[in-house]
C-alpha atoms as a PDB file:
ATOM      1  CA  MET A   1      24.392 -40.101  -1.939  1.00  0.00           C
ATOM      2  CA  ILE A   2      25.953 -36.881  -2.325  1.00  0.00           C
ATOM      3  CA  ARG A   3      27.161 -35.124   0.835  1.00  0.00           C
ATOM      4  CA  LYS A   4      25.687 -31.750   1.177  1.00  0.00           C
ATOM      5  CA  VAL A   5      28.317 -28.794   1.595  1.00  0.00           C
ATOM      6  CA  LYS A   6      26.858 -25.558   3.144  1.00  0.00           C
ATOM      7  CA  VAL A   7      28.603 -22.299   2.420  1.00  0.00           C
ATOM      8  CA  GLY A   8      26.772 -19.432   4.172  1.00  0.00           C
ATOM      9  CA  LYS A   9      23.136 -19.791   3.017  1.00  0.00           C
ATOM     10  CA  ILE A  10      24.117 -21.710   0.016  1.00  0.00           C
ATOM     11  CA  ILE A  11      24.166 -25.369   0.087  1.00  0.00           C
ATOM     12  CA  PHE A  12      25.745 -27.530  -2.545  1.00  0.00           C
ATOM     13  CA  GLY A  13      24.399 -30.889  -3.440  1.00  0.00           C
ATOM     14  CA  ASN A  14      20.722 -30.425  -2.664  1.00  0.00           C
ATOM     15  CA  GLY A  15      19.346 -29.824  -6.254  1.00  0.00           C
ATOM     16  CA  GLN A  16      20.415 -26.157  -6.599  1.00  0.00           C
ATOM     17  CA  LEU A  17      22.715 -24.811  -9.089  1.00  0.00           C
ATOM     18  CA  PRO A  18      25.107 -22.156  -7.537  1.00  0.00           C
ATOM     19  CA  LEU A  19      27.306 -20.292  -9.618  1.00  0.00           C
ATOM     20  CA  ILE A  20      30.995 -19.562  -8.556  1.00  0.00           C
ATOM     21  CA  SER A  21      32.117 -16.449 -10.566  1.00  0.00           C
ATOM     22  CA  GLY A  22      34.277 -13.502 -11.047  1.00  0.00           C
ATOM     23  CA  PRO A  23      37.386 -12.472 -12.555  1.00  0.00           C
ATOM     24  CA  CYS A  24      40.406 -14.771 -12.821  1.00  0.00           C
ATOM     25  CA  VAL A  25      42.574 -12.430 -10.646  1.00  0.00           C
ATOM     26  CA  ILE A  26      42.023  -9.384  -8.563  1.00  0.00           C
ATOM     27  CA  GLU A  27      43.071  -6.895 -11.066  1.00  0.00           C
ATOM     28  CA  SER A  28      42.125  -3.681  -8.651  1.00  0.00           C
ATOM     29  CA  ARG A  29      39.889  -3.004  -5.726  1.00  0.00           C
ATOM     30  CA  GLU A  30      37.557  -0.863  -8.075  1.00  0.00           C
ATOM     31  CA  HIS A  31      37.408  -3.680 -10.706  1.00  0.00           C
ATOM     32  CA  ALA A  32      36.678  -6.396  -8.211  1.00  0.00           C
ATOM     33  CA  LEU A  33      33.884  -4.574  -6.588  1.00  0.00           C
ATOM     34  CA  LYS A  34      32.335  -3.521  -9.886  1.00  0.00           C
ATOM     35  CA  MET A  35      32.370  -7.054 -10.886  1.00  0.00           C
ATOM     36  CA  ALA A  36      30.904  -8.501  -7.622  1.00  0.00           C
ATOM     37  CA  GLU A  37      28.124  -5.907  -7.818  1.00  0.00           C
ATOM     38  CA  SER A  38      27.364  -6.647 -11.580  1.00  0.00           C
ATOM     39  CA  LEU A  39      27.327 -10.359 -11.019  1.00  0.00           C
ATOM     40  CA  LYS A  40      25.132 -10.265  -7.822  1.00  0.00           C
ATOM     41  CA  LYS A  41      22.669  -8.290  -9.837  1.00  0.00           C
ATOM     42  CA  ILE A  42      22.451 -10.679 -12.675  1.00  0.00           C
ATOM     43  CA  THR A  43      22.450 -13.782 -10.464  1.00  0.00           C
ATOM     44  CA  ASP A  44      19.797 -12.280  -7.985  1.00  0.00           C
ATOM     45  CA  SER A  45      17.670 -11.432 -10.858  1.00  0.00           C
ATOM     46  CA  LEU A  46      17.774 -15.124 -12.128  1.00  0.00           C
ATOM     47  CA  GLY A  47      17.627 -16.697  -8.668  1.00  0.00           C
ATOM     48  CA  PHE A  48      21.102 -18.208  -8.790  1.00  0.00           C
ATOM     49  CA  PRO A  49      22.917 -18.867  -5.621  1.00  0.00           C
ATOM     50  CA  PHE A  50      26.355 -16.901  -5.999  1.00  0.00           C
ATOM     51  CA  ILE A  51      29.873 -16.993  -4.630  1.00  0.00           C
ATOM     52  CA  PHE A  52      32.299 -14.375  -5.805  1.00  0.00           C
ATOM     53  CA  LYS A  53      35.742 -15.950  -6.979  1.00  0.00           C
ATOM     54  CA  SER A  54      38.843 -13.996  -7.456  1.00  0.00           C
ATOM     55  CA  SER A  55      42.332 -14.791  -6.735  1.00  0.00           C
ATOM     56  CA  PHE A  56      44.844 -12.750  -4.804  1.00  0.00           C
ATOM     57  CA  ASP A  57      47.775 -14.503  -6.444  1.00  0.00           C
ATOM     58  CA  LYS A  58      48.094 -16.520  -9.766  1.00  0.00           C
ATOM     59  CA  ALA A  59      51.317 -18.481  -8.914  1.00  0.00           C
ATOM     60  CA  ASN A  60      50.903 -20.704 -11.844  1.00  0.00           C
ATOM     61  CA  ARG A  61      51.179 -18.211 -14.632  1.00  0.00           C
ATOM     62  CA  THR A  62      52.911 -19.513 -18.071  1.00  0.00           C
ATOM     63  CA  SER A  63      55.373 -16.696 -17.876  1.00  0.00           C
ATOM     64  CA  SER A  64      57.312 -15.272 -14.731  1.00  0.00           C
ATOM     65  CA  THR A  65      56.545 -11.723 -16.072  1.00  0.00           C
ATOM     66  CA  ALA A  66      52.691 -12.313 -16.304  1.00  0.00           C
ATOM     67  CA  PHE A  67      50.433 -10.442 -13.776  1.00  0.00           C
ATOM     68  CA  ARG A  68      49.947 -12.345 -10.667  1.00  0.00           C
ATOM     69  CA  GLY A  69      47.724 -10.038  -8.515  1.00  0.00           C
ATOM     70  CA  PRO A  70      47.845  -7.843  -5.686  1.00  0.00           C
ATOM     71  CA  GLY A  71      49.187 -10.400  -3.101  1.00  0.00           C
ATOM     72  CA  MET A  72      47.628 -11.762  -0.140  1.00  0.00           C
ATOM     73  CA  GLU A  73      47.339  -8.947   2.241  1.00  0.00           C
ATOM     74  CA  ILE A  74      45.622  -6.750  -0.209  1.00  0.00           C
ATOM     75  CA  GLY A  75      43.794  -9.137  -1.960  1.00  0.00           C
ATOM     76  CA  LEU A  76      42.246 -10.545   1.067  1.00  0.00           C
ATOM     77  CA  ALA A  77      41.270  -7.056   2.393  1.00  0.00           C
ATOM     78  CA  ILE A  78      39.427  -6.409  -1.175  1.00  0.00           C
ATOM     79  CA  LEU A  79      37.664  -9.747  -0.889  1.00  0.00           C
ATOM     80  CA  ALA A  80      36.593  -8.968   2.907  1.00  0.00           C
ATOM     81  CA  GLU A  81      35.339  -5.746   1.680  1.00  0.00           C
ATOM     82  CA  ILE A  82      33.132  -7.417  -1.129  1.00  0.00           C
ATOM     83  CA  LYS A  83      31.904 -10.006   1.350  1.00  0.00           C
ATOM     84  CA  LYS A  84      30.661  -7.282   3.615  1.00  0.00           C
ATOM     85  CA  GLU A  85      29.311  -4.967   0.944  1.00  0.00           C
ATOM     86  CA  PHE A  86      27.278  -7.336  -1.059  1.00  0.00           C
ATOM     87  CA  ASP A  87      26.553 -10.137   1.661  1.00  0.00           C
ATOM     88  CA  ILE A  88      27.844 -12.874  -0.642  1.00  0.00           C
ATOM     89  CA  PRO A  89      30.291 -15.822   0.190  1.00  0.00           C
ATOM     90  CA  VAL A  90      33.771 -15.491  -1.511  1.00  0.00           C
ATOM     91  CA  LEU A  91      36.229 -18.128  -2.891  1.00  0.00           C
ATOM     92  CA  THR A  92      39.885 -17.744  -3.452  1.00  0.00           C
ATOM     93  CA  ASP A  93      42.898 -20.066  -4.457  1.00  0.00           C
ATOM     94  CA  ILE A  94      45.787 -20.935  -2.127  1.00  0.00           C
ATOM     95  CA  HIS A  95      49.120 -22.255  -3.275  1.00  0.00           C
ATOM     96  CA  LEU A  96      50.909 -22.904   0.088  1.00  0.00           C
ATOM     97  CA  PRO A  97      50.158 -24.335   3.460  1.00  0.00           C
ATOM     98  CA  GLN A  98      51.102 -21.137   5.121  1.00  0.00           C
ATOM     99  CA  GLN A  99      48.221 -19.244   3.148  1.00  0.00           C
ATOM    100  CA  ALA A 100      45.338 -21.273   4.572  1.00  0.00           C
ATOM    101  CA  GLY A 101      44.934 -19.803   7.889  1.00  0.00           C
ATOM    102  CA  PRO A 102      45.018 -16.004   6.747  1.00  0.00           C
ATOM    103  CA  ALA A 103      42.679 -16.874   3.745  1.00  0.00           C
ATOM    104  CA  ALA A 104      40.268 -18.659   5.962  1.00  0.00           C
ATOM    105  CA  GLU A 105      39.833 -15.671   7.891  1.00  0.00           C
ATOM    106  CA  VAL A 106      38.104 -14.129   4.895  1.00  0.00           C
ATOM    107  CA  ALA A 107      37.148 -16.964   2.337  1.00  0.00           C
ATOM    108  CA  ASP A 108      34.265 -19.095   2.910  1.00  0.00           C
ATOM    109  CA  ILE A 109      35.756 -21.585   0.333  1.00  0.00           C
ATOM    110  CA  LEU A 110      39.467 -22.247  -0.147  1.00  0.00           C
ATOM    111  CA  GLN A 111      40.395 -23.427  -3.649  1.00  0.00           C
ATOM    112  CA  ILE A 112      43.146 -25.863  -4.468  1.00  0.00           C
ATOM    113  CA  PRO A 113      44.420 -25.441  -7.821  1.00  0.00           C
ATOM    114  CA  SER A 114      44.145 -28.134 -10.237  1.00  0.00           C
ATOM    115  CA  PHE A 115      48.156 -28.620 -10.560  1.00  0.00           C
ATOM    116  CA  LEU A 116      48.302 -28.940  -6.664  1.00  0.00           C
ATOM    117  CA  SER A 117      45.235 -31.270  -6.126  1.00  0.00           C
ATOM    118  CA  ARG A 118      47.629 -34.160  -4.850  1.00  0.00           C
ATOM    119  CA  GLN A 119      49.484 -31.952  -2.467  1.00  0.00           C
ATOM    120  CA  THR A 120      48.964 -33.411   0.971  1.00  0.00           C
ATOM    121  CA  ASP A 121      50.252 -30.661   3.049  1.00  0.00           C
ATOM    122  CA  LEU A 122      48.295 -28.039   1.010  1.00  0.00           C
ATOM    123  CA  LEU A 123      45.082 -30.043   1.481  1.00  0.00           C
ATOM    124  CA  ASN A 124      45.573 -30.888   5.190  1.00  0.00           C
ATOM    125  CA  ALA A 125      46.242 -27.141   5.886  1.00  0.00           C
ATOM    126  CA  ALA A 126      43.081 -26.093   3.999  1.00  0.00           C
ATOM    127  CA  ALA A 127      40.843 -28.724   5.691  1.00  0.00           C
ATOM    128  CA  LYS A 128      42.120 -27.917   9.218  1.00  0.00           C
ATOM    129  CA  THR A 129      40.786 -24.385   8.912  1.00  0.00           C
ATOM    130  CA  GLY A 130      37.283 -25.992   8.936  1.00  0.00           C
ATOM    131  CA  ARG A 131      36.379 -23.992   5.745  1.00  0.00           C
ATOM    132  CA  ALA A 132      34.965 -25.709   2.669  1.00  0.00           C
ATOM    133  CA  VAL A 133      37.589 -26.935   0.398  1.00  0.00           C
ATOM    134  CA  ASN A 134      36.996 -26.810  -3.308  1.00  0.00           C
ATOM    135  CA  ILE A 135      39.728 -29.365  -5.031  1.00  0.00           C
ATOM    136  CA  LYS A 136      40.091 -28.883  -8.787  1.00  0.00           C
ATOM    137  CA  LYS A 137      40.794 -32.006 -10.432  1.00  0.00           C
ATOM    138  CA  GLY A 138      44.218 -32.110 -11.989  1.00  0.00           C
ATOM    139  CA  GLN A 139      44.222 -32.233 -15.755  1.00  0.00           C
ATOM    140  CA  PHE A 140      46.436 -35.114 -15.317  1.00  0.00           C
ATOM    141  CA  LEU A 141      44.140 -37.237 -13.095  1.00  0.00           C
ATOM    142  CA  ALA A 142      41.405 -39.750 -13.887  1.00  0.00           C
ATOM    143  CA  PRO A 143      38.007 -38.866 -12.383  1.00  0.00           C
ATOM    144  CA  LEU A 144      38.151 -41.982 -10.092  1.00  0.00           C
ATOM    145  CA  LYS A 145      41.481 -40.853  -8.746  1.00  0.00           C
ATOM    146  CA  MET A 146      39.873 -37.904  -7.075  1.00  0.00           C
ATOM    147  CA  LYS A 147      38.631 -39.939  -4.035  1.00  0.00           C
ATOM    148  CA  TYR A 148      42.406 -40.036  -2.840  1.00  0.00           C
ATOM    149  CA  ALA A 149      42.585 -36.206  -2.620  1.00  0.00           C
ATOM    150  CA  VAL A 150      39.266 -35.765  -1.063  1.00  0.00           C
ATOM    151  CA  ASN A 151      39.866 -38.631   1.513  1.00  0.00           C
ATOM    152  CA  LYS A 152      43.018 -36.240   2.502  1.00  0.00           C
ATOM    153  CA  VAL A 153      40.474 -33.559   3.619  1.00  0.00           C
ATOM    154  CA  LEU A 154      37.955 -36.049   5.067  1.00  0.00           C
ATOM    155  CA  GLU A 155      40.569 -37.582   7.329  1.00  0.00           C
ATOM    156  CA  THR A 156      41.051 -34.404   8.987  1.00  0.00           C
ATOM    157  CA  GLY A 157      37.197 -34.477  10.198  1.00  0.00           C
ATOM    158  CA  ASN A 158      36.395 -31.664   7.317  1.00  0.00           C
ATOM    159  CA  ASN A 159      33.269 -32.910   5.541  1.00  0.00           C
ATOM    160  CA  ASN A 160      32.852 -29.806   3.500  1.00  0.00           C
ATOM    161  CA  VAL A 161      34.544 -30.711   0.358  1.00  0.00           C
ATOM    162  CA  LEU A 162      33.623 -29.843  -3.291  1.00  0.00           C
ATOM    163  CA  VAL A 163      35.464 -31.362  -6.468  1.00  0.00           C
ATOM    164  CA  THR A 164      35.686 -29.345  -9.512  1.00  0.00           C
ATOM    165  CA  GLU A 165      36.055 -30.844 -12.782  1.00  0.00           C
ATOM    166  CA  ARG A 166      38.018 -28.881 -15.471  1.00  0.00           C
ATOM    167  CA  GLY A 167      38.864 -31.098 -18.361  1.00  0.00           C
ATOM    168  CA  THR A 168      41.869 -33.798 -18.697  1.00  0.00           C
ATOM    169  CA  SER A 169      44.777 -33.375 -20.678  1.00  0.00           C
ATOM    170  CA  PHE A 170      44.865 -34.653 -24.407  1.00  0.00           C
ATOM    171  CA  GLY A 171      48.165 -34.515 -25.955  1.00  0.00           C
ATOM    172  CA  TYR A 172      50.616 -31.662 -25.317  1.00  0.00           C
ATOM    173  CA  ASP A 173      48.229 -28.606 -25.230  1.00  0.00           C
ATOM    174  CA  HIS A 174      44.655 -29.625 -25.413  1.00  0.00           C
ATOM    175  CA  LEU A 175      41.934 -30.542 -22.796  1.00  0.00           C
ATOM    176  CA  ILE A 176      38.933 -32.541 -23.374  1.00  0.00           C
ATOM    177  CA  SER A 177      35.631 -32.693 -21.192  1.00  0.00           C
ATOM    178  CA  ASP A 178      34.316 -36.012 -20.647  1.00  0.00           C
ATOM    179  CA  MET A 179      31.125 -35.594 -19.183  1.00  0.00           C
ATOM    180  CA  ARG A 180      31.222 -39.069 -17.540  1.00  0.00           C
ATOM    181  CA  ALA A 181      33.594 -37.397 -15.065  1.00  0.00           C
ATOM    182  CA  ILE A 182      30.646 -35.870 -13.396  1.00  0.00           C
ATOM    183  CA  PRO A 183      28.736 -38.618 -12.312  1.00  0.00           C
ATOM    184  CA  GLN A 184      32.083 -40.677 -11.738  1.00  0.00           C
ATOM    185  CA  ILE A 185      33.333 -38.174  -9.043  1.00  0.00           C
ATOM    186  CA  GLN A 186      29.949 -37.944  -7.550  1.00  0.00           C
ATOM    187  CA  GLU A 187      29.667 -41.803  -7.143  1.00  0.00           C
ATOM    188  CA  SER A 188      33.243 -42.295  -5.980  1.00  0.00           C
ATOM    189  CA  THR A 189      33.549 -39.345  -3.497  1.00  0.00           C
ATOM    190  CA  HIS A 190      30.083 -38.502  -2.691  1.00  0.00           C
ATOM    191  CA  CYS A 191      31.071 -34.887  -2.988  1.00  0.00           C
ATOM    192  CA  PRO A 192      29.113 -32.235  -4.941  1.00  0.00           C
ATOM    193  CA  VAL A 193      30.894 -31.735  -8.336  1.00  0.00           C
ATOM    194  CA  ILE A 194      31.447 -28.321  -9.819  1.00  0.00           C
ATOM    195  CA  PHE A 195      32.028 -28.031 -13.547  1.00  0.00           C
ATOM    196  CA  ASP A 196      34.465 -25.275 -14.657  1.00  0.00           C
ATOM    197  CA  ALA A 197      33.377 -24.228 -18.045  1.00  0.00           C
ATOM    198  CA  THR A 198      35.841 -21.428 -18.641  1.00  0.00           C
ATOM    199  CA  HIS A 199      39.074 -23.437 -17.657  1.00  0.00           C
ATOM    200  CA  SER A 200      37.797 -26.531 -19.771  1.00  0.00           C
ATOM    201  CA  ALA A 201      38.114 -24.366 -22.705  1.00  0.00           C
ATOM    202  CA  GLN A 202      41.787 -23.470 -22.381  1.00  0.00           C
ATOM    203  CA  VAL A 203      44.602 -24.254 -24.815  1.00  0.00           C
ATOM    204  CA  PRO A 204      47.485 -24.089 -22.303  1.00  0.00           C
ATOM    205  CA  SER A 205      50.611 -22.135 -23.241  1.00  0.00           C
ATOM    206  CA  SER A 206      49.383 -21.914 -26.901  1.00  0.00           C
ATOM    207  CA  THR A 207      49.947 -18.104 -27.481  1.00  0.00           C
ATOM    208  CA  GLY A 208      53.576 -17.185 -27.080  1.00  0.00           C
ATOM    209  CA  GLY A 209      53.869 -17.485 -23.250  1.00  0.00           C
ATOM    210  CA  LYS A 210      50.248 -17.126 -22.417  1.00  0.00           C
ATOM    211  CA  THR A 211      47.269 -19.633 -22.185  1.00  0.00           C
ATOM    212  CA  GLY A 212      44.842 -19.437 -25.296  1.00  0.00           C
ATOM    213  CA  GLY A 213      41.519 -21.075 -25.511  1.00  0.00           C
ATOM    214  CA  ALA A 214      38.426 -21.494 -27.439  1.00  0.00           C
ATOM    215  CA  ARG A 215      35.660 -19.132 -25.708  1.00  0.00           C
ATOM    216  CA  GLU A 216      33.128 -19.911 -28.222  1.00  0.00           C
ATOM    217  CA  TYR A 217      32.667 -23.510 -26.728  1.00  0.00           C
ATOM    218  CA  ILE A 218      32.172 -22.468 -23.227  1.00  0.00           C
ATOM    219  CA  PRO A 219      28.155 -22.400 -23.573  1.00  0.00           C
ATOM    220  CA  THR A 220      28.332 -26.036 -25.043  1.00  0.00           C
ATOM    221  CA  LEU A 221      30.382 -27.211 -22.262  1.00  0.00           C
ATOM    222  CA  ALA A 222      28.363 -25.525 -19.524  1.00  0.00           C
ATOM    223  CA  LYS A 223      25.143 -26.756 -20.976  1.00  0.00           C
ATOM    224  CA  ALA A 224      26.369 -30.438 -21.473  1.00  0.00           C
ATOM    225  CA  ALA A 225      27.643 -30.215 -17.785  1.00  0.00           C
ATOM    226  CA  VAL A 226      24.322 -29.060 -16.336  1.00  0.00           C
ATOM    227  CA  ALA A 227      22.578 -31.784 -18.476  1.00  0.00           C
ATOM    228  CA  ALA A 228      24.985 -34.257 -16.943  1.00  0.00           C
ATOM    229  CA  GLY A 229      23.937 -33.488 -13.483  1.00  0.00           C
ATOM    230  CA  CYS A 230      26.686 -31.068 -11.981  1.00  0.00           C
ATOM    231  CA  ASP A 231      26.176 -29.694  -8.725  1.00  0.00           C
ATOM    232  CA  GLY A 232      27.314 -26.117  -9.798  1.00  0.00           C
ATOM    233  CA  ILE A 233      28.970 -24.109 -12.266  1.00  0.00           C
ATOM    234  CA  PHE A 234      32.227 -22.302 -12.085  1.00  0.00           C
ATOM    235  CA  MET A 235      33.070 -19.422 -14.638  1.00  0.00           C
ATOM    236  CA  GLU A 236      35.491 -16.708 -14.755  1.00  0.00           C
ATOM    237  CA  VAL A 237      33.641 -13.601 -16.047  1.00  0.00           C
ATOM    238  CA  HIS A 238      35.208 -10.315 -17.136  1.00  0.00           C
ATOM    239  CA  ASP A 239      33.659  -6.778 -18.290  1.00  0.00           C
ATOM    240  CA  ASN A 240      36.384  -6.551 -20.757  1.00  0.00           C
ATOM    241  CA  ALA A 241      37.562 -10.158 -21.491  1.00  0.00           C
ATOM    242  CA  ASP A 242      39.946  -9.548 -24.167  1.00  0.00           C
ATOM    243  CA  ALA A 243      41.874  -7.193 -22.058  1.00  0.00           C
ATOM    244  CA  ALA A 244      41.944  -9.343 -18.862  1.00  0.00           C
ATOM    245  CA  LYS A 245      45.268  -9.434 -17.078  1.00  0.00           C
ATOM    246  CA  SER A 246      44.966 -13.369 -16.743  1.00  0.00           C
ATOM    247  CA  ASP A 247      43.161 -16.124 -18.810  1.00  0.00           C
ATOM    248  CA  ALA A 248      41.828 -13.476 -21.403  1.00  0.00           C
ATOM    249  CA  ALA A 249      41.091 -15.903 -23.937  1.00  0.00           C
ATOM    250  CA  THR A 250      38.705 -17.950 -21.785  1.00  0.00           C
ATOM    251  CA  GLN A 251      36.901 -15.534 -19.510  1.00  0.00           C
ATOM    252  CA  TRP A 252      33.154 -15.131 -20.362  1.00  0.00           C
ATOM    253  CA  PRO A 253      31.968 -11.539 -21.257  1.00  0.00           C
ATOM    254  CA  LEU A 254      29.896  -9.995 -18.448  1.00  0.00           C
ATOM    255  CA  GLU A 255      27.475  -8.759 -21.115  1.00  0.00           C
ATOM    256  CA  ARG A 256      26.689 -12.269 -22.401  1.00  0.00           C
ATOM    257  CA  LEU A 257      26.306 -14.020 -18.890  1.00  0.00           C
ATOM    258  CA  GLU A 258      22.300 -13.353 -18.339  1.00  0.00           C
ATOM    259  CA  LYS A 259      21.717 -15.309 -21.661  1.00  0.00           C
ATOM    260  CA  LEU A 260      23.992 -18.178 -20.854  1.00  0.00           C
ATOM    261  CA  LEU A 261      22.771 -18.445 -17.244  1.00  0.00           C
ATOM    262  CA  SER A 262      18.965 -18.243 -18.480  1.00  0.00           C
ATOM    263  CA  ASP A 263      19.753 -21.181 -20.876  1.00  0.00           C
ATOM    264  CA  LEU A 264      21.578 -23.164 -17.919  1.00  0.00           C
ATOM    265  CA  LYS A 265      18.545 -22.547 -15.799  1.00  0.00           C
ATOM    266  CA  ARG A 266      16.117 -23.963 -18.229  1.00  0.00           C
ATOM    267  CA  ILE A 267      18.413 -26.995 -18.710  1.00  0.00           C
ATOM    268  CA  LYS A 268      18.355 -27.584 -15.128  1.00  0.00           C
ATOM    269  CA  ALA A 269      14.625 -27.514 -14.918  1.00  0.00           C
ATOM    270  CA  ALA A 270      14.371 -30.079 -17.765  1.00  0.00           C
ATOM    271  CA  VAL A 271      16.909 -32.350 -16.238  1.00  0.00           C
ATOM    272  CA  THR A 272      15.275 -32.079 -12.638  1.00  0.00           C
ATOM    273  CA  SER A 273      11.916 -32.965 -14.264  1.00  0.00           C
ATOM    274  CA  LEU A 274      13.133 -36.316 -15.653  1.00  0.00           C
END
């Protein structure tokens, strides 16, 4: 039995396919607002429940000189404006326990980055805010091991936990998405499982101090995950993906999003009818 997670008017685990989407990092107020408006129009037209995602700080960039974002104070103010302007839930990453409280004043979902998915203090701090917590599975963790991270949140009394599958490390710089992970995580944690179609296409640290990737495989991965029964899709989307300030190789182009979501909707309907 999948535990339902309510985020505003959206419910994960009840047969819907919510989309968590937005640019990897907040590049500017104007860009974030433009992306939120564009994504809301597309998802509204297709009937997709939508949560806007963007990070105020990317603390895990490959290079110390890479763009990290506007910082917590400015970034949260931008997310708060988006939340109010478009009446949509918002999600952002936190990297330190002390970020949980301030972020929870704005964000409806606090996201734990994959490399931090075992950090007890961070998980506990996020859980104690009462906000939904999205734990991204570490690339180094087997799917069945995620129950230990989930339990750290549940033990605080917060049952609003999502788990995001984003591929498993293969060798030094490749990721493999094993679709068995989706039912394995669902069955072992009873949490809704989100599939991250964009990070799963990454090739970490492959392009001279930047993370590369294979954008062309994002539709294949997303379609396979929906067919495998995921409870939501996570996709980083940009209106000029090649020029994005973070994860340029694997952000999905905004102009191609509607077609892909339409395909996913048809696959979801087919799977549901079985």
